[in-house]
Protein backbone atom coordinates (compact mmCIF):
# COMPACT_ATOMS: atom_id res chain seq x y z
CA UNK A 1 0.00 0.00 0.00
CA UNK A 2 1.34 3.43 -0.96
CA UNK A 3 1.86 5.90 1.89
CA UNK A 4 -0.89 8.47 2.35
CA UNK A 5 0.04 11.91 1.07
CA UNK A 6 -0.87 15.46 1.98
CA UNK A 7 -0.65 18.38 -0.44
CA UNK A 8 0.64 21.48 1.30
CA UNK A 9 0.60 24.91 -0.32
CA UNK A 10 3.21 27.63 -0.01
CA UNK A 11 3.25 31.25 -1.15
CA UNK A 12 -0.53 31.55 -1.45
CA UNK A 13 -0.73 28.38 -3.50
CA UNK A 14 2.08 29.20 -5.93
CA UNK A 15 3.99 26.11 -4.77
CA UNK A 16 2.57 22.70 -3.93
CA UNK A 17 4.54 20.27 -1.76
CA UNK A 18 3.39 16.67 -1.34
CA UNK A 19 4.47 14.98 1.89
CA UNK A 20 3.89 11.64 3.55
CA UNK A 21 1.16 12.02 6.14
CA UNK A 22 2.92 9.71 8.62
CA UNK A 23 6.56 10.03 7.55
CA UNK A 24 9.11 12.82 7.57
CA UNK A 25 7.49 16.25 7.21
CA UNK A 26 9.34 19.50 6.74
CA UNK A 27 9.24 22.13 9.45
CA UNK A 28 10.13 25.79 9.86
CA UNK A 29 13.81 24.82 9.75
CA UNK A 30 13.56 24.08 6.02
CA UNK A 31 11.82 27.38 5.31
CA UNK A 32 14.48 29.31 7.20
CA UNK A 33 17.27 27.45 5.40
CA UNK A 34 15.75 27.96 1.94
CA UNK A 35 15.75 31.74 2.40
CA UNK A 36 19.26 32.05 3.86
CA UNK A 37 21.56 31.60 0.82
CA UNK A 38 22.27 34.52 -1.51
CA UNK A 39 22.96 32.87 -4.86
CA UNK A 40 23.59 34.72 -8.07
CA UNK A 41 21.65 34.12 -11.29
CA UNK A 42 23.01 31.07 -13.05
CA UNK A 43 24.51 29.48 -9.93
CA UNK A 44 24.37 25.73 -9.42
CA UNK A 45 23.04 24.53 -6.06
CA UNK A 46 23.12 21.09 -4.41
CA UNK A 47 20.37 20.30 -1.89
CA UNK A 48 22.06 17.64 0.24
CA UNK A 49 19.64 15.25 1.93
CA UNK A 50 16.68 16.90 0.26
CA UNK A 51 13.83 15.09 2.02
CA UNK A 52 10.63 15.88 0.13
CA UNK A 53 12.47 18.59 -1.81
CA UNK A 54 10.92 21.63 -0.13
CA UNK A 55 14.20 23.58 0.13
CA UNK A 56 14.81 23.04 -3.57
CA UNK A 57 11.25 24.09 -4.37
CA UNK A 58 11.48 27.31 -2.37
CA UNK A 59 14.95 28.18 -3.68
CA UNK A 60 13.81 27.62 -7.26
CA UNK A 61 10.66 29.67 -6.71
CA UNK A 62 12.66 32.59 -5.31
CA UNK A 63 15.56 32.31 -7.79
CA UNK A 64 14.20 31.03 -11.14
CA UNK A 65 17.66 31.17 -12.76
CA UNK A 66 19.17 28.67 -10.31
CA UNK A 67 20.02 25.14 -11.43
CA UNK A 68 19.40 22.79 -8.50
CA UNK A 69 20.28 19.16 -7.87
CA UNK A 70 18.30 17.50 -5.07
CA UNK A 71 20.14 14.52 -3.57
CA UNK A 72 18.15 12.13 -1.39
CA UNK A 73 18.97 8.68 0.02
CA UNK A 74 15.52 7.24 0.76
CA UNK A 75 13.60 5.92 -2.28
CA UNK A 76 10.15 6.97 -1.06
CA UNK A 77 11.31 10.51 -0.37
CA UNK A 78 13.07 10.61 -3.74
CA UNK A 79 9.74 9.66 -5.26
CA UNK A 80 8.13 12.62 -3.51
CA UNK A 81 10.80 14.96 -4.86
CA UNK A 82 10.15 13.72 -8.39
CA UNK A 83 6.40 14.24 -7.91
CA UNK A 84 6.91 17.73 -6.48
CA UNK A 85 9.21 18.74 -9.33
CA UNK A 86 6.63 17.64 -11.89
CA UNK A 87 3.59 19.14 -10.14
CA UNK A 88 5.32 22.50 -9.93
CA UNK A 89 6.63 22.29 -13.53
CA UNK A 90 10.24 22.68 -12.43
CA UNK A 91 11.81 19.93 -14.52
CA UNK A 92 14.07 22.44 -16.27
CA UNK A 93 15.36 23.85 -12.97
CA UNK A 94 15.57 20.94 -10.50
CA UNK A 95 17.05 17.49 -11.10
CA UNK A 96 16.91 14.51 -8.74
CA UNK A 97 19.75 12.22 -7.73
CA UNK A 98 18.96 9.27 -5.47
CA UNK A 99 21.94 8.01 -3.54
CA UNK A 100 24.04 8.02 -0.38
CA UNK A 101 25.97 11.22 0.29
CA UNK A 102 28.71 9.09 1.83
CA UNK A 103 29.43 8.00 -1.76
CA UNK A 104 29.23 11.55 -3.08
CA UNK A 105 32.09 11.00 -5.55
CA UNK A 106 29.90 8.47 -7.38
CA UNK A 107 26.93 10.83 -7.58
CA UNK A 108 28.12 14.29 -8.64
CA UNK A 109 31.28 15.70 -10.23
CA UNK A 110 33.85 17.18 -7.83
CA UNK A 111 33.81 20.92 -7.19
CA UNK A 112 30.80 21.42 -9.47
CA UNK A 113 28.44 23.53 -7.32
CA UNK A 114 28.40 27.19 -6.33
CA UNK A 115 26.16 26.47 -3.34
CA UNK A 116 25.34 23.50 -1.14
CA UNK A 117 22.40 23.68 1.26
CA UNK A 118 21.80 21.13 3.99
CA UNK A 119 19.52 20.57 6.98
CA UNK A 120 21.55 17.83 8.70
CA UNK A 121 20.08 15.30 11.12
CA UNK A 122 20.06 16.94 14.54
CA UNK A 123 20.06 13.89 16.84
CA UNK A 124 23.08 11.84 17.80
CA UNK A 125 22.28 8.15 17.30
CA UNK A 126 23.08 7.21 20.89
CA UNK A 127 21.33 10.25 22.38
CA UNK A 128 17.66 10.89 22.95
CA UNK A 129 14.60 9.03 21.77
CA UNK A 130 14.82 7.83 18.17
CA UNK A 131 11.66 8.39 16.13
CA UNK A 132 9.90 5.05 15.56
CA UNK A 133 8.97 5.93 11.95
CA UNK A 134 12.00 4.87 9.90
CA UNK A 135 11.71 7.70 7.37
CA UNK A 136 11.68 10.31 10.13
CA UNK A 137 14.45 8.54 12.06
CA UNK A 138 16.88 8.67 9.13
CA UNK A 139 16.10 12.35 8.52
CA UNK A 140 16.32 13.46 12.14
CA UNK A 141 19.04 11.21 13.63
CA UNK A 142 22.58 10.38 12.54
CA UNK A 143 21.69 6.91 11.29
CA UNK A 144 22.62 6.99 7.59
CA UNK A 145 25.20 9.79 7.92
CA UNK A 146 26.71 12.00 10.59
CA UNK A 147 27.92 15.58 10.53
CA UNK A 148 31.44 14.62 9.43
CA UNK A 149 30.01 12.71 6.43
CA UNK A 150 27.94 15.74 5.47
CA UNK A 151 30.87 18.14 5.74
CA UNK A 152 33.01 15.86 3.57
CA UNK A 153 30.24 15.76 0.94
CA UNK A 154 29.93 19.55 1.03
CA UNK A 155 33.68 20.02 0.61
CA UNK A 156 33.81 17.56 -2.30
CA UNK A 157 30.87 19.19 -4.11
CA UNK A 158 31.72 22.87 -3.72
CA UNK A 159 33.80 24.86 -6.15
CA UNK A 160 36.71 26.80 -4.74
CA UNK A 161 35.19 29.86 -3.01
CA UNK A 162 31.78 28.25 -3.27
CA UNK A 163 29.42 28.55 -0.32
CA UNK A 164 27.39 26.25 1.90
CA UNK A 165 24.35 27.07 4.04
CA UNK A 166 23.30 24.89 6.96
CA UNK A 167 20.84 25.03 9.84
CA UNK A 168 21.73 23.26 13.07
CA UNK A 169 20.86 23.24 16.79
CA UNK A 170 22.41 26.17 18.62
CA UNK A 171 23.50 23.76 21.37
CA UNK A 172 25.79 22.02 18.84
CA UNK A 173 26.93 25.14 17.01
CA UNK A 174 30.51 24.80 18.29
CA UNK A 175 30.73 21.30 16.82
CA UNK A 176 29.41 22.53 13.47
CA UNK A 177 31.78 25.51 13.28
CA UNK A 178 34.80 23.42 14.26
CA UNK A 179 33.94 20.77 11.69
CA UNK A 180 33.51 23.31 8.92
CA UNK A 181 36.79 25.08 9.71
CA UNK A 182 38.67 21.77 9.82
CA UNK A 183 37.49 21.11 6.26
CA UNK A 184 38.55 24.58 5.01
CA UNK A 185 34.91 25.69 4.96
CA UNK A 186 35.28 29.05 6.66
CA UNK A 187 32.15 30.38 8.42
CA UNK A 188 31.22 33.76 6.93
CA UNK A 189 27.69 34.54 8.21
CA UNK A 190 25.91 33.30 11.32
CA UNK A 191 22.39 33.99 12.56
CA UNK A 192 20.89 32.69 15.79
CA UNK A 193 17.22 31.67 15.60
CA UNK A 194 15.10 32.24 18.70
CA UNK A 195 11.57 31.00 19.25
CA UNK A 196 10.57 34.46 20.58
CA UNK A 197 12.19 37.62 22.04
CA UNK A 198 13.77 36.84 25.39
CA UNK A 199 14.01 33.13 24.65
CA UNK A 200 17.29 31.30 24.26
CA UNK A 201 18.71 30.58 20.83
CA UNK A 202 17.41 27.30 19.44
CA UNK A 203 19.00 27.08 15.99
CA UNK A 204 21.83 28.62 14.02
CA UNK A 205 22.01 29.38 10.33
CA UNK A 206 25.58 29.29 9.06
CA UNK A 207 27.04 30.23 5.70
CA UNK A 208 30.56 28.96 5.02
CA UNK A 209 32.93 29.57 2.11
CA UNK A 210 35.36 26.98 0.77
CA UNK A 211 38.87 28.36 1.28
CA UNK A 212 37.47 31.69 2.44
CA UNK A 213 38.98 34.25 4.77
CA UNK A 214 38.41 34.30 8.51
CA UNK A 215 35.95 37.21 8.80
CA UNK A 216 32.62 36.15 10.35
CA UNK A 217 29.52 38.38 10.22
CA UNK A 218 27.08 37.86 13.11
CA UNK A 219 23.62 38.81 11.87
CA UNK A 220 20.84 40.21 14.08
CA UNK A 221 18.83 37.53 15.92
CA UNK A 222 15.79 36.09 14.17
CA UNK A 223 12.57 35.45 16.09
CA UNK A 224 10.07 32.89 14.82
CA UNK A 225 7.19 34.08 17.04
CA UNK A 226 6.37 37.53 18.36
CA UNK A 227 6.03 36.19 21.91
CA UNK A 228 5.78 32.90 23.79
CA UNK A 229 2.78 30.96 22.42
CA UNK A 230 2.20 33.88 20.05
CA UNK A 231 1.82 34.28 16.31
CA UNK A 232 4.55 34.29 13.71
CA UNK A 233 6.78 37.36 13.87
CA UNK A 234 6.59 39.77 10.95
CA UNK A 235 9.98 38.49 9.72
CA UNK A 236 8.82 34.87 9.81
CA UNK A 237 5.50 35.64 8.13
CA UNK A 238 7.36 37.34 5.28
CA UNK A 239 9.10 34.07 4.47
CA UNK A 240 5.73 32.60 3.47
CA UNK A 241 4.58 35.56 1.39
CA UNK A 242 4.50 35.32 -2.42
CA UNK A 243 7.74 36.46 -3.99
CA UNK A 244 7.71 39.02 -6.78
CA UNK A 245 11.16 39.37 -8.40
């Protein structure tokens, strides 16, 4: 039996994103990540561990001149990406590669992308409660790949002076920054994501440049909600508004 799907709309219906009703479902993390990079027209982007493809969809919607490759390990999620590409008529902008990022050299040419975006699994395999749904477990826990695997794949894929954008728990930000620097992926921009003003930082968005200099720009904090148990902040709401280039 095929998994049950939901059809979720973004940007006042301009994008449609099919997801498994009981499997991995994208969250606000993916929306934040999709808006963080600053690609130039004609750039090539790799969406590493693409899930249902929502980051690729949003990036393509906002930057029609991007060429995007969505790489996903799990066959059922790869099937969703293919469906979402077709339903949004993005076949000329987004291509799908199904495979294991740990074998990245077999999947994409070396140093062939201007940007890599990634929402890595947040949970250490031996820590916390692992989600019982296999699809979610692989996406959210370091089962199929860990942070070092992801950083190696990013380094292999990026052109010299190319850039990567990642979103990661603020509590593990030091691990992320150290891993990037060790791979000559120099952090260039960092933004802390808070649930609401006065709350502690929950996530970090990081942009790193391959073989870049050591200057790091700390951006103003970003608040998802206007207050505890409140509505989306104005900044967060804008990320869901239709985009008019």
